[in-house]
């Protein structure tokens, strides 16, 4: 059964219908996601190398754990669910710190797909080392902690040693939000 996304306008108001995931990314429809920025005591960010079979931004490093919201799902519900699905971490809503919303208007030029999402941004603090997480292997290939300065550097240079999803301006804005919340 195809995964359905609720469709929103650029102002994040529901348009009252759903569409298949594939069509949403082909047509560039606005939809919602939850992103959890996992930060340790050293203020390092848990990043994940996306699986090579992902439909958008395959085999690139991502700065957050998260995903698309199901129709009718709240941002917090989506964040809690995604942490369980992707990292096998059971959280309560109060374990997360909500730090704001960001509208992301990007695309995967390699695959010719659009990624227009209204993202709810959360921070979760942990003492776990990266190797202690059990990740969803069809979503994530590898986990590693990077300092916020390292991530900023990799996002800002033309030929980075580590390739992140190319949403530089948006990610730098979110990293600023994350750092202010610590």
N, C-alpha and C. Protein backbone atom coordinates (compact mmCIF):
# COMPACT_ATOMS: atom_id res chain seq x y z
N UNK A 1 0.85 -1.19 0.00
CA UNK A 1 0.00 0.00 0.00
C UNK A 1 0.89 1.24 0.00
N UNK A 2 0.63 2.19 -0.87
CA UNK A 2 1.49 3.38 -0.95
C UNK A 2 1.36 4.26 0.29
N UNK A 3 2.48 4.89 0.63
CA UNK A 3 2.50 5.83 1.75
C UNK A 3 1.84 7.14 1.31
N UNK A 4 0.91 7.64 2.13
CA UNK A 4 0.18 8.87 1.80
C UNK A 4 0.65 10.01 2.69
N UNK A 5 0.77 11.20 2.09
CA UNK A 5 1.10 12.42 2.81
C UNK A 5 -0.07 13.38 2.71
N UNK A 6 -0.34 14.09 3.81
CA UNK A 6 -1.31 15.17 3.78
C UNK A 6 -0.64 16.36 3.10
N UNK A 7 -1.38 17.05 2.25
CA UNK A 7 -0.82 18.15 1.46
C UNK A 7 -1.20 19.49 2.10
N UNK A 8 -0.22 20.40 2.12
CA UNK A 8 -0.38 21.72 2.74
C UNK A 8 -0.02 22.80 1.73
N UNK A 9 -0.43 24.03 2.03
CA UNK A 9 -0.03 25.15 1.18
C UNK A 9 1.29 25.73 1.72
N UNK A 10 1.87 26.71 1.04
CA UNK A 10 3.14 27.28 1.52
C UNK A 10 3.07 27.90 2.91
N UNK A 11 1.87 28.23 3.37
CA UNK A 11 1.70 28.81 4.71
C UNK A 11 1.42 27.74 5.77
N UNK A 12 1.53 26.46 5.41
CA UNK A 12 1.37 25.32 6.31
C UNK A 12 -0.09 25.10 6.73
N UNK A 13 -1.02 25.43 5.85
CA UNK A 13 -2.44 25.16 6.09
C UNK A 13 -2.85 23.96 5.24
N UNK A 14 -3.57 23.02 5.84
CA UNK A 14 -3.97 21.82 5.13
C UNK A 14 -4.86 22.16 3.94
N UNK A 15 -4.62 21.45 2.84
CA UNK A 15 -5.47 21.60 1.66
C UNK A 15 -6.58 20.55 1.65
N UNK A 16 -6.61 19.68 2.69
CA UNK A 16 -7.71 18.75 2.86
C UNK A 16 -7.65 17.49 2.02
N UNK A 17 -6.47 17.15 1.50
CA UNK A 17 -6.37 15.90 0.76
C UNK A 17 -4.99 15.29 0.94
N UNK A 18 -4.86 14.03 0.54
CA UNK A 18 -3.58 13.32 0.63
C UNK A 18 -3.14 12.90 -0.77
N UNK A 19 -1.85 12.56 -0.84
CA UNK A 19 -1.26 12.13 -2.10
C UNK A 19 -0.18 11.09 -1.81
N UNK A 20 0.10 10.24 -2.79
CA UNK A 20 1.15 9.25 -2.63
C UNK A 20 2.52 9.93 -2.52
N UNK A 21 3.37 9.37 -1.68
CA UNK A 21 4.72 9.89 -1.43
C UNK A 21 5.46 10.20 -2.74
N UNK A 22 5.48 9.24 -3.64
CA UNK A 22 6.20 9.41 -4.91
C UNK A 22 5.72 10.64 -5.66
N UNK A 23 4.40 10.82 -5.73
CA UNK A 23 3.83 11.95 -6.46
C UNK A 23 4.11 13.28 -5.76
N UNK A 24 4.11 13.26 -4.44
CA UNK A 24 4.40 14.48 -3.67
C UNK A 24 5.80 14.98 -4.02
N UNK A 25 6.77 14.07 -4.06
CA UNK A 25 8.14 14.48 -4.37
C UNK A 25 8.34 14.78 -5.86
N UNK A 26 7.59 14.14 -6.72
CA UNK A 26 7.67 14.47 -8.15
C UNK A 26 7.05 15.83 -8.44
N UNK A 27 5.92 16.13 -7.79
CA UNK A 27 5.17 17.36 -8.06
C UNK A 27 5.59 18.54 -7.21
N UNK A 28 6.36 18.28 -6.15
CA UNK A 28 6.82 19.37 -5.29
C UNK A 28 5.76 19.91 -4.35
N UNK A 29 4.88 19.04 -3.87
CA UNK A 29 3.83 19.47 -2.94
C UNK A 29 4.41 19.69 -1.54
N UNK A 30 3.84 20.65 -0.84
CA UNK A 30 4.22 20.91 0.56
C UNK A 30 3.60 19.84 1.45
N UNK A 31 4.41 19.33 2.38
CA UNK A 31 3.97 18.32 3.33
C UNK A 31 4.71 18.56 4.65
N UNK A 32 4.42 17.77 5.67
CA UNK A 32 5.01 18.00 6.99
C UNK A 32 5.98 16.88 7.38
N UNK A 33 7.01 17.31 8.12
CA UNK A 33 7.98 16.37 8.69
C UNK A 33 8.29 16.77 10.13
N UNK A 34 8.85 15.83 10.86
CA UNK A 34 9.39 16.10 12.19
C UNK A 34 10.87 15.77 12.14
N UNK A 35 11.70 16.66 12.69
CA UNK A 35 13.14 16.45 12.72
C UNK A 35 13.62 16.55 14.16
N UNK A 36 14.35 15.51 14.60
CA UNK A 36 14.90 15.50 15.94
C UNK A 36 16.42 15.61 15.83
N UNK A 37 16.97 16.64 16.47
CA UNK A 37 18.41 16.86 16.51
C UNK A 37 18.90 16.26 17.82
N UNK A 38 19.67 15.18 17.69
CA UNK A 38 20.16 14.42 18.85
C UNK A 38 21.53 14.99 19.21
N UNK A 39 21.63 15.51 20.44
CA UNK A 39 22.84 16.21 20.88
C UNK A 39 23.36 15.57 22.16
N UNK A 40 24.68 15.37 22.22
CA UNK A 40 25.27 14.81 23.44
C UNK A 40 25.80 15.92 24.35
N UNK A 41 26.41 15.54 25.47
CA UNK A 41 26.89 16.50 26.47
C UNK A 41 28.01 17.40 25.94
N UNK A 42 28.72 16.94 24.93
CA UNK A 42 29.80 17.73 24.31
C UNK A 42 29.26 18.66 23.22
N UNK A 43 27.94 18.73 23.12
CA UNK A 43 27.25 19.52 22.08
C UNK A 43 27.61 19.05 20.68
N UNK A 44 27.77 17.74 20.55
CA UNK A 44 27.95 17.13 19.24
C UNK A 44 26.60 16.63 18.74
N UNK A 45 26.47 16.63 17.44
CA UNK A 45 25.22 16.28 16.78
C UNK A 45 25.31 14.87 16.20
N UNK A 46 24.31 14.04 16.49
CA UNK A 46 24.26 12.69 15.92
C UNK A 46 23.75 12.82 14.48
N UNK A 47 24.60 12.48 13.53
CA UNK A 47 24.23 12.55 12.12
C UNK A 47 24.13 11.13 11.58
N UNK A 48 23.37 11.00 10.50
CA UNK A 48 23.19 9.67 9.92
C UNK A 48 23.43 9.70 8.43
N UNK A 49 24.12 8.66 7.98
CA UNK A 49 24.35 8.48 6.54
C UNK A 49 23.13 7.75 5.98
N UNK A 50 22.43 8.43 5.10
CA UNK A 50 21.19 7.88 4.54
C UNK A 50 21.49 6.66 3.66
N UNK A 51 20.59 5.72 3.68
CA UNK A 51 20.74 4.49 2.91
C UNK A 51 20.81 4.82 1.42
N UNK A 52 21.60 4.07 0.65
CA UNK A 52 21.71 4.34 -0.79
C UNK A 52 20.41 4.18 -1.57
N UNK A 53 19.42 3.48 -1.02
CA UNK A 53 18.16 3.26 -1.72
C UNK A 53 17.08 4.29 -1.37
N UNK A 54 17.41 5.32 -0.58
CA UNK A 54 16.41 6.35 -0.23
C UNK A 54 15.94 7.06 -1.50
N UNK A 55 14.67 7.50 -1.50
CA UNK A 55 14.13 8.13 -2.71
C UNK A 55 14.66 9.54 -2.92
N UNK A 56 15.01 10.24 -1.85
CA UNK A 56 15.65 11.55 -2.00
C UNK A 56 16.90 11.60 -1.14
N UNK A 57 17.92 12.26 -1.64
CA UNK A 57 19.19 12.49 -0.93
C UNK A 57 19.84 11.19 -0.46
N UNK A 58 19.85 10.20 -1.33
CA UNK A 58 20.45 8.91 -1.01
C UNK A 58 21.95 9.03 -0.77
N UNK A 59 22.43 8.29 0.21
CA UNK A 59 23.85 8.14 0.56
C UNK A 59 24.53 9.48 0.86
N UNK A 60 23.77 10.40 1.44
CA UNK A 60 24.31 11.66 1.95
C UNK A 60 24.07 11.69 3.45
N UNK A 61 24.91 12.45 4.16
CA UNK A 61 24.74 12.60 5.60
C UNK A 61 23.59 13.56 5.89
N UNK A 62 22.83 13.22 6.91
CA UNK A 62 21.70 14.02 7.36
C UNK A 62 21.98 14.50 8.78
N UNK A 63 21.47 15.67 9.11
CA UNK A 63 21.74 16.29 10.41
C UNK A 63 20.72 15.91 11.48
N UNK A 64 19.65 15.23 11.10
CA UNK A 64 18.60 14.93 12.08
C UNK A 64 18.04 13.53 11.87
N UNK A 65 17.33 13.09 12.88
CA UNK A 65 16.54 11.87 12.80
C UNK A 65 15.10 12.34 12.60
N UNK A 66 14.43 11.77 11.65
CA UNK A 66 13.06 12.24 11.45
C UNK A 66 12.46 11.68 10.20
N UNK A 67 11.30 12.23 9.89
CA UNK A 67 10.62 11.76 8.71
C UNK A 67 9.28 12.45 8.51
N UNK A 68 8.56 11.95 7.55
CA UNK A 68 7.28 12.52 7.16
C UNK A 68 6.20 12.18 8.18
N UNK A 69 5.29 13.12 8.36
CA UNK A 69 4.15 12.88 9.24
C UNK A 69 3.07 12.12 8.48
N UNK A 70 2.39 11.26 9.19
CA UNK A 70 1.22 10.59 8.64
C UNK A 70 0.06 11.58 8.65
N UNK A 71 -0.92 11.40 7.77
CA UNK A 71 -2.07 12.32 7.77
C UNK A 71 -2.71 12.41 9.16
N UNK A 72 -2.90 13.63 9.64
CA UNK A 72 -3.51 13.87 10.94
C UNK A 72 -2.56 13.77 12.12
N UNK A 73 -1.34 13.35 11.92
CA UNK A 73 -0.37 13.19 13.00
C UNK A 73 0.21 14.56 13.39
N UNK A 74 0.42 14.78 14.69
CA UNK A 74 1.04 16.02 15.14
C UNK A 74 2.55 15.93 14.96
N UNK A 75 3.20 17.08 15.02
CA UNK A 75 4.66 17.11 14.92
C UNK A 75 5.29 16.29 16.04
N UNK A 76 4.79 16.44 17.27
CA UNK A 76 5.37 15.72 18.40
C UNK A 76 5.16 14.22 18.26
N UNK A 77 3.97 13.81 17.86
CA UNK A 77 3.71 12.39 17.64
C UNK A 77 4.67 11.83 16.58
N UNK A 78 4.86 12.58 15.52
CA UNK A 78 5.78 12.15 14.46
C UNK A 78 7.21 12.04 14.94
N UNK A 79 7.65 12.99 15.75
CA UNK A 79 9.02 12.97 16.27
C UNK A 79 9.24 11.75 17.16
N UNK A 80 8.29 11.48 18.05
CA UNK A 80 8.40 10.31 18.94
C UNK A 80 8.41 9.03 18.11
N UNK A 81 7.51 8.93 17.14
CA UNK A 81 7.44 7.74 16.29
C UNK A 81 8.73 7.53 15.50
N UNK A 82 9.24 8.61 14.90
CA UNK A 82 10.46 8.49 14.10
C UNK A 82 11.67 8.07 14.93
N UNK A 83 11.76 8.57 16.16
CA UNK A 83 12.87 8.15 17.03
C UNK A 83 12.79 6.66 17.31
N UNK A 84 11.57 6.14 17.47
CA UNK A 84 11.42 4.70 17.68
C UNK A 84 11.76 3.93 16.40
N UNK A 85 11.20 4.36 15.27
CA UNK A 85 11.41 3.64 14.02
C UNK A 85 12.87 3.66 13.57
N UNK A 86 13.52 4.80 13.68
CA UNK A 86 14.87 4.92 13.12
C UNK A 86 15.99 4.56 14.09
N UNK A 87 15.76 4.77 15.41
CA UNK A 87 16.83 4.50 16.38
C UNK A 87 16.43 3.54 17.49
N UNK A 88 15.19 3.03 17.47
CA UNK A 88 14.69 2.14 18.52
C UNK A 88 14.78 2.80 19.89
N UNK A 89 14.54 4.11 19.94
CA UNK A 89 14.55 4.86 21.20
C UNK A 89 13.10 5.19 21.55
N UNK A 90 12.69 4.76 22.73
CA UNK A 90 11.35 5.06 23.21
C UNK A 90 11.38 6.37 23.98
N UNK A 91 10.63 7.35 23.52
CA UNK A 91 10.57 8.66 24.17
C UNK A 91 9.14 9.01 24.53
N UNK A 92 9.02 9.86 25.51
CA UNK A 92 7.75 10.50 25.84
C UNK A 92 7.82 11.91 25.23
N UNK A 93 6.69 12.51 24.92
CA UNK A 93 6.72 13.85 24.34
C UNK A 93 7.55 14.86 25.16
N UNK A 94 7.51 14.74 26.49
CA UNK A 94 8.27 15.67 27.34
C UNK A 94 9.78 15.48 27.26
N UNK A 95 10.24 14.36 26.68
CA UNK A 95 11.67 14.13 26.52
C UNK A 95 12.26 15.01 25.42
N UNK A 96 11.41 15.54 24.58
CA UNK A 96 11.84 16.36 23.44
C UNK A 96 11.67 17.84 23.76
N UNK A 97 12.58 18.65 23.27
CA UNK A 97 12.44 20.11 23.36
C UNK A 97 12.08 20.63 21.98
N UNK A 98 10.89 21.19 21.87
CA UNK A 98 10.47 21.79 20.60
C UNK A 98 11.13 23.16 20.49
N UNK A 99 11.81 23.42 19.35
CA UNK A 99 12.51 24.70 19.21
C UNK A 99 12.00 25.55 18.04
N UNK A 100 11.05 25.04 17.26
CA UNK A 100 10.47 25.88 16.22
C UNK A 100 10.10 25.14 14.95
N UNK A 101 9.61 25.91 14.01
CA UNK A 101 9.23 25.40 12.69
C UNK A 101 10.15 26.01 11.64
N UNK A 102 10.43 25.24 10.61
CA UNK A 102 11.20 25.73 9.46
C UNK A 102 10.54 25.17 8.20
N UNK A 103 10.34 26.02 7.22
CA UNK A 103 9.85 25.55 5.92
C UNK A 103 11.06 25.34 5.02
N UNK A 104 11.14 24.14 4.47
CA UNK A 104 12.30 23.75 3.66
C UNK A 104 11.83 23.59 2.21
N UNK A 105 12.45 24.34 1.32
CA UNK A 105 12.11 24.28 -0.09
C UNK A 105 13.35 23.85 -0.85
N UNK A 106 13.50 22.54 -0.99
CA UNK A 106 14.71 22.01 -1.63
C UNK A 106 14.37 20.97 -2.66
N UNK A 107 15.41 20.34 -3.14
CA UNK A 107 15.20 19.30 -4.12
C UNK A 107 16.44 18.46 -4.31
N UNK A 108 16.23 17.28 -4.80
CA UNK A 108 17.31 16.36 -5.12
C UNK A 108 17.56 16.47 -6.62
N UNK A 109 18.59 17.23 -6.99
CA UNK A 109 18.86 17.45 -8.41
C UNK A 109 19.30 16.18 -9.12
N UNK A 110 19.90 15.25 -8.38
CA UNK A 110 20.34 14.00 -8.98
C UNK A 110 19.14 13.18 -9.45
N UNK A 111 18.10 13.12 -8.62
CA UNK A 111 16.92 12.32 -8.96
C UNK A 111 15.78 13.16 -9.56
N UNK A 112 15.94 14.48 -9.61
CA UNK A 112 14.91 15.34 -10.17
C UNK A 112 13.65 15.38 -9.34
N UNK A 113 13.79 15.32 -8.02
CA UNK A 113 12.64 15.33 -7.12
C UNK A 113 12.66 16.59 -6.27
N UNK A 114 11.48 16.99 -5.80
CA UNK A 114 11.33 18.17 -4.96
C UNK A 114 11.08 17.74 -3.52
N UNK A 115 11.57 18.52 -2.59
CA UNK A 115 11.33 18.25 -1.18
C UNK A 115 10.92 19.56 -0.51
N UNK A 116 9.62 19.77 -0.48
CA UNK A 116 9.06 20.99 0.13
C UNK A 116 8.32 20.56 1.39
N UNK A 117 8.89 20.90 2.53
CA UNK A 117 8.30 20.43 3.77
C UNK A 117 8.26 21.51 4.84
N UNK A 118 7.24 21.41 5.66
CA UNK A 118 7.12 22.24 6.86
C UNK A 118 7.59 21.34 8.00
N UNK A 119 8.76 21.65 8.56
CA UNK A 119 9.39 20.78 9.55
C UNK A 119 9.22 21.32 10.96
N UNK A 120 8.80 20.46 11.86
CA UNK A 120 8.82 20.75 13.29
C UNK A 120 10.18 20.32 13.81
N UNK A 121 10.89 21.22 14.48
CA UNK A 121 12.27 20.98 14.89
C UNK A 121 12.32 20.71 16.40
N UNK A 122 12.93 19.59 16.77
CA UNK A 122 13.06 19.18 18.17
C UNK A 122 14.52 18.88 18.50
N UNK A 123 14.86 18.99 19.78
CA UNK A 123 16.17 18.59 20.28
C UNK A 123 15.96 17.52 21.34
N UNK A 124 16.78 16.48 21.27
CA UNK A 124 16.81 15.45 22.31
C UNK A 124 18.25 15.29 22.75
N UNK A 125 18.46 15.40 24.04
CA UNK A 125 19.81 15.26 24.61
C UNK A 125 20.03 13.84 25.11
N UNK A 126 21.23 13.34 24.87
CA UNK A 126 21.55 11.97 25.24
C UNK A 126 23.00 11.86 25.69
N UNK A 127 23.27 10.81 26.45
CA UNK A 127 24.64 10.46 26.84
C UNK A 127 25.13 9.23 26.09
N UNK A 128 24.27 8.65 25.26
CA UNK A 128 24.64 7.43 24.53
C UNK A 128 25.68 7.72 23.46
N UNK A 129 26.68 6.85 23.33
CA UNK A 129 27.58 6.96 22.18
C UNK A 129 26.88 6.45 20.92
N UNK A 130 27.34 6.87 19.79
CA UNK A 130 26.70 6.51 18.51
C UNK A 130 26.56 5.01 18.34
N UNK A 131 27.57 4.26 18.77
CA UNK A 131 27.54 2.81 18.56
C UNK A 131 26.51 2.09 19.43
N UNK A 132 25.93 2.77 20.41
CA UNK A 132 24.91 2.16 21.26
C UNK A 132 23.50 2.26 20.69
N UNK A 133 23.33 2.97 19.60
CA UNK A 133 22.02 3.07 18.97
C UNK A 133 21.82 1.91 18.00
N UNK A 134 20.62 1.38 17.98
CA UNK A 134 20.25 0.34 17.01
C UNK A 134 19.43 1.05 15.93
N UNK A 135 19.99 1.22 14.77
CA UNK A 135 19.31 2.01 13.74
C UNK A 135 18.61 1.13 12.71
N UNK A 136 17.63 1.75 12.05
CA UNK A 136 16.84 1.09 11.02
C UNK A 136 17.70 0.98 9.75
N UNK A 137 18.09 -0.24 9.43
CA UNK A 137 19.09 -0.45 8.38
C UNK A 137 18.60 -0.15 6.97
N UNK A 138 17.29 -0.10 6.73
CA UNK A 138 16.83 0.25 5.39
C UNK A 138 16.68 1.76 5.23
N UNK A 139 16.92 2.52 6.32
CA UNK A 139 16.89 3.98 6.28
C UNK A 139 18.29 4.58 6.45
N UNK A 140 19.06 3.97 7.34
CA UNK A 140 20.35 4.53 7.78
C UNK A 140 21.46 3.52 7.53
N UNK A 141 22.59 4.01 7.03
CA UNK A 141 23.75 3.16 6.78
C UNK A 141 24.77 3.26 7.92
N UNK A 142 24.84 4.44 8.55
CA UNK A 142 25.85 4.66 9.59
C UNK A 142 25.44 5.84 10.45
N UNK A 143 25.87 5.84 11.72
CA UNK A 143 25.67 6.96 12.64
C UNK A 143 27.02 7.46 13.13
N UNK A 144 27.11 8.77 13.36
CA UNK A 144 28.33 9.34 13.94
C UNK A 144 27.99 10.70 14.55
N UNK A 145 28.69 11.01 15.63
CA UNK A 145 28.58 12.34 16.21
C UNK A 145 29.61 13.26 15.56
N UNK A 146 29.17 14.48 15.24
CA UNK A 146 30.03 15.53 14.69
C UNK A 146 29.83 16.77 15.55
N UNK A 147 30.89 17.53 15.76
CA UNK A 147 30.72 18.80 16.45
C UNK A 147 29.88 19.73 15.56
N UNK A 148 29.20 20.67 16.18
CA UNK A 148 28.41 21.63 15.39
C UNK A 148 29.31 22.40 14.43
N UNK A 149 30.52 22.72 14.86
CA UNK A 149 31.45 23.43 13.97
C UNK A 149 31.86 22.57 12.77
N UNK A 150 32.05 21.26 13.00
CA UNK A 150 32.37 20.37 11.88
C UNK A 150 31.24 20.35 10.86
N UNK A 151 30.03 20.22 11.35
CA UNK A 151 28.87 20.17 10.44
C UNK A 151 28.78 21.48 9.66
N UNK A 152 28.93 22.60 10.36
CA UNK A 152 28.90 23.90 9.66
C UNK A 152 29.97 23.95 8.57
N UNK A 153 31.17 23.47 8.89
CA UNK A 153 32.26 23.48 7.93
C UNK A 153 31.91 22.63 6.70
N UNK A 154 31.46 21.39 6.94
CA UNK A 154 31.13 20.50 5.82
C UNK A 154 30.01 21.06 4.95
N UNK A 155 29.08 21.77 5.57
CA UNK A 155 27.99 22.38 4.81
C UNK A 155 28.44 23.58 3.99
N UNK A 156 29.52 24.21 4.41
CA UNK A 156 29.91 25.51 3.83
C UNK A 156 31.01 25.45 2.78
N UNK A 157 31.71 24.33 2.65
CA UNK A 157 32.82 24.28 1.69
C UNK A 157 32.38 23.60 0.40
N UNK A 158 33.09 23.92 -0.68
CA UNK A 158 32.73 23.39 -2.00
C UNK A 158 33.00 21.90 -2.16
N UNK A 159 34.10 21.41 -1.63
CA UNK A 159 34.48 20.00 -1.75
C UNK A 159 34.66 19.40 -0.36
N UNK A 160 33.55 19.17 0.38
CA UNK A 160 33.69 18.68 1.75
C UNK A 160 34.19 17.24 1.80
N UNK A 161 34.90 16.91 2.86
CA UNK A 161 35.35 15.54 3.09
C UNK A 161 34.16 14.65 3.43
N UNK A 162 33.10 15.24 3.98
CA UNK A 162 31.88 14.54 4.34
C UNK A 162 30.73 15.27 3.65
N UNK A 163 29.95 14.56 2.84
CA UNK A 163 28.89 15.20 2.05
C UNK A 163 27.54 15.10 2.75
N UNK A 164 26.98 16.25 3.08
CA UNK A 164 25.67 16.35 3.70
C UNK A 164 24.62 16.68 2.65
N UNK A 165 23.36 16.48 3.01
CA UNK A 165 22.26 16.89 2.15
C UNK A 165 22.47 18.36 1.81
N UNK A 166 22.37 18.74 0.53
CA UNK A 166 22.71 20.11 0.13
C UNK A 166 21.60 21.13 0.39
N UNK A 167 21.25 21.28 1.64
CA UNK A 167 20.29 22.31 2.06
C UNK A 167 21.02 23.26 3.00
N UNK A 168 22.12 23.78 2.54
CA UNK A 168 23.07 24.51 3.37
C UNK A 168 22.43 25.65 4.16
N UNK A 169 21.77 26.54 3.50
CA UNK A 169 21.21 27.72 4.17
C UNK A 169 20.22 27.31 5.26
N UNK A 170 19.34 26.38 4.92
CA UNK A 170 18.34 25.91 5.88
C UNK A 170 19.00 25.21 7.06
N UNK A 171 19.95 24.32 6.78
CA UNK A 171 20.61 23.59 7.87
C UNK A 171 21.42 24.51 8.76
N UNK A 172 22.08 25.50 8.20
CA UNK A 172 22.82 26.45 9.03
C UNK A 172 21.87 27.23 9.94
N UNK A 173 20.70 27.57 9.42
CA UNK A 173 19.68 28.25 10.24
C UNK A 173 19.23 27.34 11.39
N UNK A 174 18.97 26.08 11.08
CA UNK A 174 18.52 25.15 12.12
C UNK A 174 19.63 24.89 13.14
N UNK A 175 20.87 24.75 12.69
CA UNK A 175 21.97 24.55 13.64
C UNK A 175 22.08 25.72 14.60
N UNK A 176 21.82 26.91 14.12
CA UNK A 176 21.81 28.10 14.98
C UNK A 176 20.70 27.98 16.03
N UNK A 177 19.53 27.52 15.61
CA UNK A 177 18.41 27.30 16.53
C UNK A 177 18.78 26.25 17.58
N UNK A 178 19.40 25.17 17.13
CA UNK A 178 19.79 24.08 18.05
C UNK A 178 20.79 24.60 19.05
N UNK A 179 21.79 25.32 18.58
CA UNK A 179 22.83 25.83 19.49
C UNK A 179 22.25 26.79 20.52
N UNK A 180 21.31 27.63 20.12
CA UNK A 180 20.68 28.55 21.08
C UNK A 180 19.88 27.81 22.14
N UNK A 181 19.38 26.62 21.79
CA UNK A 181 18.55 25.86 22.73
C UNK A 181 19.38 25.10 23.77
N UNK A 182 20.67 24.97 23.54
CA UNK A 182 21.52 24.17 24.45
C UNK A 182 21.91 24.94 25.70
